[in-house]
PDB file of all heavy atoms in Angstrom:
ATOM      1  N   ILE A   1       0.752   6.786  18.907  1.00  0.00           N
ATOM      2  CA  ILE A   1       1.748   7.678  18.119  1.00  0.00           C
ATOM      3  C   ILE A   1       1.552   9.116  18.821  1.00  0.00           C
ATOM      4  O   ILE A   1       0.397   9.561  18.980  1.00  0.00           O
ATOM      5  CB  ILE A   1       1.633   7.763  16.748  1.00  0.00           C
ATOM      6  CG1 ILE A   1       2.662   8.597  16.092  1.00  0.00           C
ATOM      7  CG2 ILE A   1       0.187   8.349  16.291  1.00  0.00           C
ATOM      8  CD1 ILE A   1       2.974   8.336  14.551  1.00  0.00           C
ATOM      9  N   GLY A   2       2.659   9.748  19.217  1.00  0.00           N
ATOM     10  CA  GLY A   2       2.639  11.081  19.779  1.00  0.00           C
ATOM     11  C   GLY A   2       3.765  11.845  19.182  1.00  0.00           C
ATOM     12  O   GLY A   2       4.852  11.334  19.002  1.00  0.00           O
ATOM     13  N   VAL A   3       3.428  13.187  18.739  1.00  0.00           N
ATOM     14  CA  VAL A   3       4.494  14.054  18.342  1.00  0.00           C
ATOM     15  C   VAL A   3       4.615  15.283  19.270  1.00  0.00           C
ATOM     16  O   VAL A   3       3.551  15.864  19.631  1.00  0.00           O
ATOM     17  CB  VAL A   3       4.038  14.519  16.934  1.00  0.00           C
ATOM     18  CG1 VAL A   3       5.121  15.433  16.366  1.00  0.00           C
ATOM     19  CG2 VAL A   3       3.951  13.357  16.001  1.00  0.00           C
ATOM     20  N   LYS A   4       5.792  15.629  19.633  1.00  0.00           N
ATOM     21  CA  LYS A   4       5.996  16.845  20.468  1.00  0.00           C
ATOM     22  C   LYS A   4       5.235  18.003  19.815  1.00  0.00           C
ATOM     23  O   LYS A   4       5.268  18.200  18.566  1.00  0.00           O
ATOM     24  CB  LYS A   4       7.507  17.123  20.472  1.00  0.00           C
ATOM     25  CG  LYS A   4       8.270  16.286  21.540  1.00  0.00           C
ATOM     26  CD  LYS A   4       9.654  16.776  21.659  1.00  0.00           C
ATOM     27  CE  LYS A   4      10.398  15.809  22.675  1.00  0.00           C
ATOM     28  NZ  LYS A   4      11.925  16.242  22.686  1.00  0.00           N
ATOM     29  N   LYS A   5       4.613  18.838  20.683  1.00  0.00           N
ATOM     30  CA  LYS A   5       4.040  20.041  20.160  1.00  0.00           C
ATOM     31  C   LYS A   5       4.873  20.901  19.372  1.00  0.00           C
ATOM     32  O   LYS A   5       4.522  21.510  18.299  1.00  0.00           O
ATOM     33  CB  LYS A   5       3.379  20.839  21.365  1.00  0.00           C
ATOM     34  CG  LYS A   5       2.223  20.066  21.981  1.00  0.00           C
ATOM     35  CD  LYS A   5       1.723  20.963  23.145  1.00  0.00           C
ATOM     36  CE  LYS A   5       0.539  20.185  23.831  1.00  0.00           C
ATOM     37  NZ  LYS A   5      -0.002  20.941  24.955  1.00  0.00           N
ATOM     38  N   SER A   6       6.133  20.972  19.699  1.00  0.00           N
ATOM     39  CA  SER A   6       7.143  21.891  18.937  1.00  0.00           C
ATOM     40  C   SER A   6       7.513  21.263  17.608  1.00  0.00           C
ATOM     41  O   SER A   6       8.106  21.980  16.815  1.00  0.00           O
ATOM     42  CB  SER A   6       8.373  22.057  19.823  1.00  0.00           C
ATOM     43  OG  SER A   6       8.991  20.812  20.076  1.00  0.00           O
ATOM     44  N   ALA A   7       7.188  19.966  17.406  1.00  0.00           N
ATOM     45  CA  ALA A   7       7.661  19.376  16.101  1.00  0.00           C
ATOM     46  C   ALA A   7       6.434  19.126  15.178  1.00  0.00           C
ATOM     47  O   ALA A   7       6.658  18.504  14.204  1.00  0.00           O
ATOM     48  CB  ALA A   7       8.386  18.115  16.496  1.00  0.00           C
ATOM     49  N   ARG A   8       5.264  19.504  15.486  1.00  0.00           N
ATOM     50  CA  ARG A   8       4.117  19.263  14.791  1.00  0.00           C
ATOM     51  C   ARG A   8       4.185  20.056  13.447  1.00  0.00           C
ATOM     52  O   ARG A   8       4.638  21.199  13.446  1.00  0.00           O
ATOM     53  CB  ARG A   8       2.801  19.472  15.547  1.00  0.00           C
ATOM     54  CG  ARG A   8       2.670  18.422  16.608  1.00  0.00           C
ATOM     55  CD  ARG A   8       1.521  18.672  17.593  1.00  0.00           C
ATOM     56  NE  ARG A   8       1.495  17.689  18.691  1.00  0.00           N
ATOM     57  CZ  ARG A   8       0.616  17.759  19.750  1.00  0.00           C
ATOM     58  NH1 ARG A   8      -0.317  18.719  19.715  1.00  0.00           N
ATOM     59  NH2 ARG A   8       0.655  16.854  20.619  1.00  0.00           N
ATOM     60  N   GLY A   9       3.473  19.587  12.492  1.00  0.00           N
ATOM     61  CA  GLY A   9       3.426  20.268  11.178  1.00  0.00           C
ATOM     62  C   GLY A   9       4.603  19.899  10.288  1.00  0.00           C
ATOM     63  O   GLY A   9       4.823  20.432   9.232  1.00  0.00           O
ATOM     64  N   LYS A  10       5.556  19.021  10.684  1.00  0.00           N
ATOM     65  CA  LYS A  10       6.713  18.707   9.935  1.00  0.00           C
ATOM     66  C   LYS A  10       6.472  17.368   9.141  1.00  0.00           C
ATOM     67  O   LYS A  10       7.401  16.835   8.533  1.00  0.00           O
ATOM     68  CB  LYS A  10       7.788  18.571  10.883  1.00  0.00           C
ATOM     69  CG  LYS A  10       8.233  19.814  11.564  1.00  0.00           C
ATOM     70  CD  LYS A  10       9.496  19.610  12.455  1.00  0.00           C
ATOM     71  CE  LYS A  10       9.918  20.915  13.205  1.00  0.00           C
ATOM     72  NZ  LYS A  10      11.020  20.774  14.115  1.00  0.00           N
ATOM     73  N   GLY A  11       5.374  16.874   9.192  1.00  0.00           N
ATOM     74  CA  GLY A  11       5.180  15.483   8.489  1.00  0.00           C
ATOM     75  C   GLY A  11       5.682  14.333   9.078  1.00  0.00           C
ATOM     76  O   GLY A  11       5.851  13.240   8.462  1.00  0.00           O
ATOM     77  N   LEU A  12       5.985  14.343  10.491  1.00  0.00           N
ATOM     78  CA  LEU A  12       6.534  13.207  11.154  1.00  0.00           C
ATOM     79  C   LEU A  12       5.561  11.955  11.182  1.00  0.00           C
ATOM     80  O   LEU A  12       6.063  10.879  11.133  1.00  0.00           O
ATOM     81  CB  LEU A  12       6.996  13.636  12.579  1.00  0.00           C
ATOM     82  CG  LEU A  12       8.138  14.621  12.681  1.00  0.00           C
ATOM     83  CD1 LEU A  12       8.454  14.941  14.055  1.00  0.00           C
ATOM     84  CD2 LEU A  12       9.409  14.045  11.899  1.00  0.00           C
ATOM     85  N   LEU A  13       4.323  12.253  11.291  1.00  0.00           N
ATOM     86  CA  LEU A  13       3.350  11.162  11.270  1.00  0.00           C
ATOM     87  C   LEU A  13       3.448  10.374   9.995  1.00  0.00           C
ATOM     88  O   LEU A  13       3.558   9.124   9.926  1.00  0.00           O
ATOM     89  CB  LEU A  13       1.937  11.619  11.553  1.00  0.00           C
ATOM     90  CG  LEU A  13       0.782  10.687  11.324  1.00  0.00           C
ATOM     91  CD1 LEU A  13       0.955   9.454  12.356  1.00  0.00           C
ATOM     92  CD2 LEU A  13      -0.497  11.394  11.534  1.00  0.00           C
ATOM     93  N   ARG A  14       3.372  11.124   8.936  1.00  0.00           N
ATOM     94  CA  ARG A  14       3.466  10.495   7.604  1.00  0.00           C
ATOM     95  C   ARG A  14       4.808   9.754   7.371  1.00  0.00           C
ATOM     96  O   ARG A  14       4.790   8.567   6.841  1.00  0.00           O
ATOM     97  CB  ARG A  14       3.356  11.566   6.513  1.00  0.00           C
ATOM     98  CG  ARG A  14       3.349  11.079   5.053  1.00  0.00           C
ATOM     99  CD  ARG A  14       3.323  12.176   4.039  1.00  0.00           C
ATOM    100  NE  ARG A  14       2.096  12.835   4.040  1.00  0.00           N
ATOM    101  CZ  ARG A  14       1.035  12.557   3.270  1.00  0.00           C
ATOM    102  NH1 ARG A  14       1.165  11.512   2.439  1.00  0.00           N
ATOM    103  NH2 ARG A  14      -0.060  13.226   3.288  1.00  0.00           N
ATOM    104  N   LYS A  15       5.898  10.311   7.782  1.00  0.00           N
ATOM    105  CA  LYS A  15       7.119   9.701   7.570  1.00  0.00           C
ATOM    106  C   LYS A  15       7.255   8.425   8.406  1.00  0.00           C
ATOM    107  O   LYS A  15       7.778   7.477   7.896  1.00  0.00           O
ATOM    108  CB  LYS A  15       8.206  10.647   8.011  1.00  0.00           C
ATOM    109  CG  LYS A  15       8.416  11.876   7.135  1.00  0.00           C
ATOM    110  CD  LYS A  15       9.348  12.953   7.762  1.00  0.00           C
ATOM    111  CE  LYS A  15       9.426  14.230   7.049  1.00  0.00           C
ATOM    112  NZ  LYS A  15      10.202  15.223   7.678  1.00  0.00           N
ATOM    113  N   ALA A  16       6.811   8.485   9.688  1.00  0.00           N
ATOM    114  CA  ALA A  16       6.915   7.163  10.523  1.00  0.00           C
ATOM    115  C   ALA A  16       6.140   6.084   9.868  1.00  0.00           C
ATOM    116  O   ALA A  16       6.576   4.860   9.809  1.00  0.00           O
ATOM    117  CB  ALA A  16       6.413   7.538  11.952  1.00  0.00           C
ATOM    118  N   LEU A  17       4.815   6.380   9.470  1.00  0.00           N
ATOM    119  CA  LEU A  17       4.010   5.370   8.921  1.00  0.00           C
ATOM    120  C   LEU A  17       4.646   4.889   7.601  1.00  0.00           C
ATOM    121  O   LEU A  17       4.633   3.613   7.347  1.00  0.00           O
ATOM    122  CB  LEU A  17       2.574   5.812   8.647  1.00  0.00           C
ATOM    123  CG  LEU A  17       1.799   6.253   9.876  1.00  0.00           C
ATOM    124  CD1 LEU A  17       0.415   6.653   9.533  1.00  0.00           C
ATOM    125  CD2 LEU A  17       1.757   5.133  10.904  1.00  0.00           C
ATOM    126  N   SER A  18       5.228   5.694   6.807  1.00  0.00           N
ATOM    127  CA  SER A  18       5.802   5.337   5.506  1.00  0.00           C
ATOM    128  C   SER A  18       7.065   4.406   5.759  1.00  0.00           C
ATOM    129  O   SER A  18       7.101   3.389   5.234  1.00  0.00           O
ATOM    130  CB  SER A  18       6.287   6.506   4.782  1.00  0.00           C
ATOM    131  OG  SER A  18       6.981   6.199   3.609  1.00  0.00           O
ATOM    132  N   GLU A  19       7.883   4.689   6.655  1.00  0.00           N
ATOM    133  CA  GLU A  19       9.028   3.925   7.026  1.00  0.00           C
ATOM    134  C   GLU A  19       8.673   2.573   7.663  1.00  0.00           C
ATOM    135  O   GLU A  19       9.347   1.654   7.316  1.00  0.00           O
ATOM    136  CB  GLU A  19      10.010   4.701   7.919  1.00  0.00           C
ATOM    137  CG  GLU A  19      10.611   5.918   7.304  1.00  0.00           C
ATOM    138  CD  GLU A  19      11.697   6.564   8.163  1.00  0.00           C
ATOM    139  OE1 GLU A  19      12.423   5.843   8.886  1.00  0.00           O
ATOM    140  OE2 GLU A  19      11.811   7.765   8.097  1.00  0.00           O
ATOM    141  N   LEU A  20       7.774   2.604   8.519  1.00  0.00           N
ATOM    142  CA  LEU A  20       7.491   1.354   9.221  1.00  0.00           C
ATOM    143  C   LEU A  20       6.529   0.449   8.531  1.00  0.00           C
ATOM    144  O   LEU A  20       6.585  -0.779   8.713  1.00  0.00           O
ATOM    145  CB  LEU A  20       6.958   1.715  10.658  1.00  0.00           C
ATOM    146  CG  LEU A  20       7.879   2.431  11.567  1.00  0.00           C
ATOM    147  CD1 LEU A  20       7.151   2.848  12.804  1.00  0.00           C
ATOM    148  CD2 LEU A  20       9.016   1.430  11.982  1.00  0.00           C
ATOM    149  N   CYS A  21       5.588   0.924   7.771  1.00  0.00           N
ATOM    150  CA  CYS A  21       4.680   0.120   7.116  1.00  0.00           C
ATOM    151  C   CYS A  21       4.644  -0.127   5.560  1.00  0.00           C
ATOM    152  O   CYS A  21       4.116  -1.009   5.061  1.00  0.00           O
ATOM    153  CB  CYS A  21       3.174   0.664   7.489  1.00  0.00           C
ATOM    154  SG  CYS A  21       2.849   0.585   9.251  1.00  0.00           S
ATOM    155  N   GLY A  22       5.384   0.926   4.910  1.00  0.00           N
ATOM    156  CA  GLY A  22       5.408   0.805   3.513  1.00  0.00           C
ATOM    157  C   GLY A  22       3.990   0.707   2.912  1.00  0.00           C
ATOM    158  O   GLY A  22       3.228   1.563   3.149  1.00  0.00           O
ATOM    159  N   ASP A  23       3.705  -0.295   2.118  1.00  0.00           N
ATOM    160  CA  ASP A  23       2.433  -0.429   1.471  1.00  0.00           C
ATOM    161  C   ASP A  23       1.487  -1.244   2.180  1.00  0.00           C
ATOM    162  O   ASP A  23       0.505  -1.729   1.640  1.00  0.00           O
ATOM    163  CB  ASP A  23       2.661  -0.871   0.029  1.00  0.00           C
ATOM    164  CG  ASP A  23       3.304  -2.383  -0.032  1.00  0.00           C
ATOM    165  OD1 ASP A  23       3.968  -2.824   0.987  1.00  0.00           O
ATOM    166  OD2 ASP A  23       3.206  -2.943  -1.056  1.00  0.00           O
ATOM    167  N   MET A  24       1.788  -1.826   3.499  1.00  0.00           N
ATOM    168  CA  MET A  24       0.914  -2.663   4.159  1.00  0.00           C
ATOM    169  C   MET A  24      -0.332  -1.911   4.659  1.00  0.00           C
ATOM    170  O   MET A  24      -0.274  -0.792   4.894  1.00  0.00           O
ATOM    171  CB  MET A  24       1.617  -3.258   5.307  1.00  0.00           C
ATOM    172  CG  MET A  24       2.743  -4.333   5.016  1.00  0.00           C
ATOM    173  SD  MET A  24       3.354  -5.141   6.423  1.00  0.00           S
ATOM    174  CE  MET A  24       4.334  -3.883   7.170  1.00  0.00           C
ATOM    175  N   PRO A  25      -1.397  -2.667   4.803  1.00  0.00           N
ATOM    176  CA  PRO A  25      -2.632  -2.020   5.482  1.00  0.00           C
ATOM    177  C   PRO A  25      -2.297  -1.615   6.863  1.00  0.00           C
ATOM    178  O   PRO A  25      -1.516  -2.242   7.525  1.00  0.00           O
ATOM    179  CB  PRO A  25      -3.669  -3.169   5.349  1.00  0.00           C
ATOM    180  CG  PRO A  25      -3.114  -4.134   4.363  1.00  0.00           C
ATOM    181  CD  PRO A  25      -1.674  -3.949   4.414  1.00  0.00           C
TER     182      PRO A  25
END
């Protein structure tokens, strides 16, 4: 997983994991 430096701090990591994994380990 990589986030553009200009887009960091926007919670994109959290959002991506939430959308793709939901409640899975």
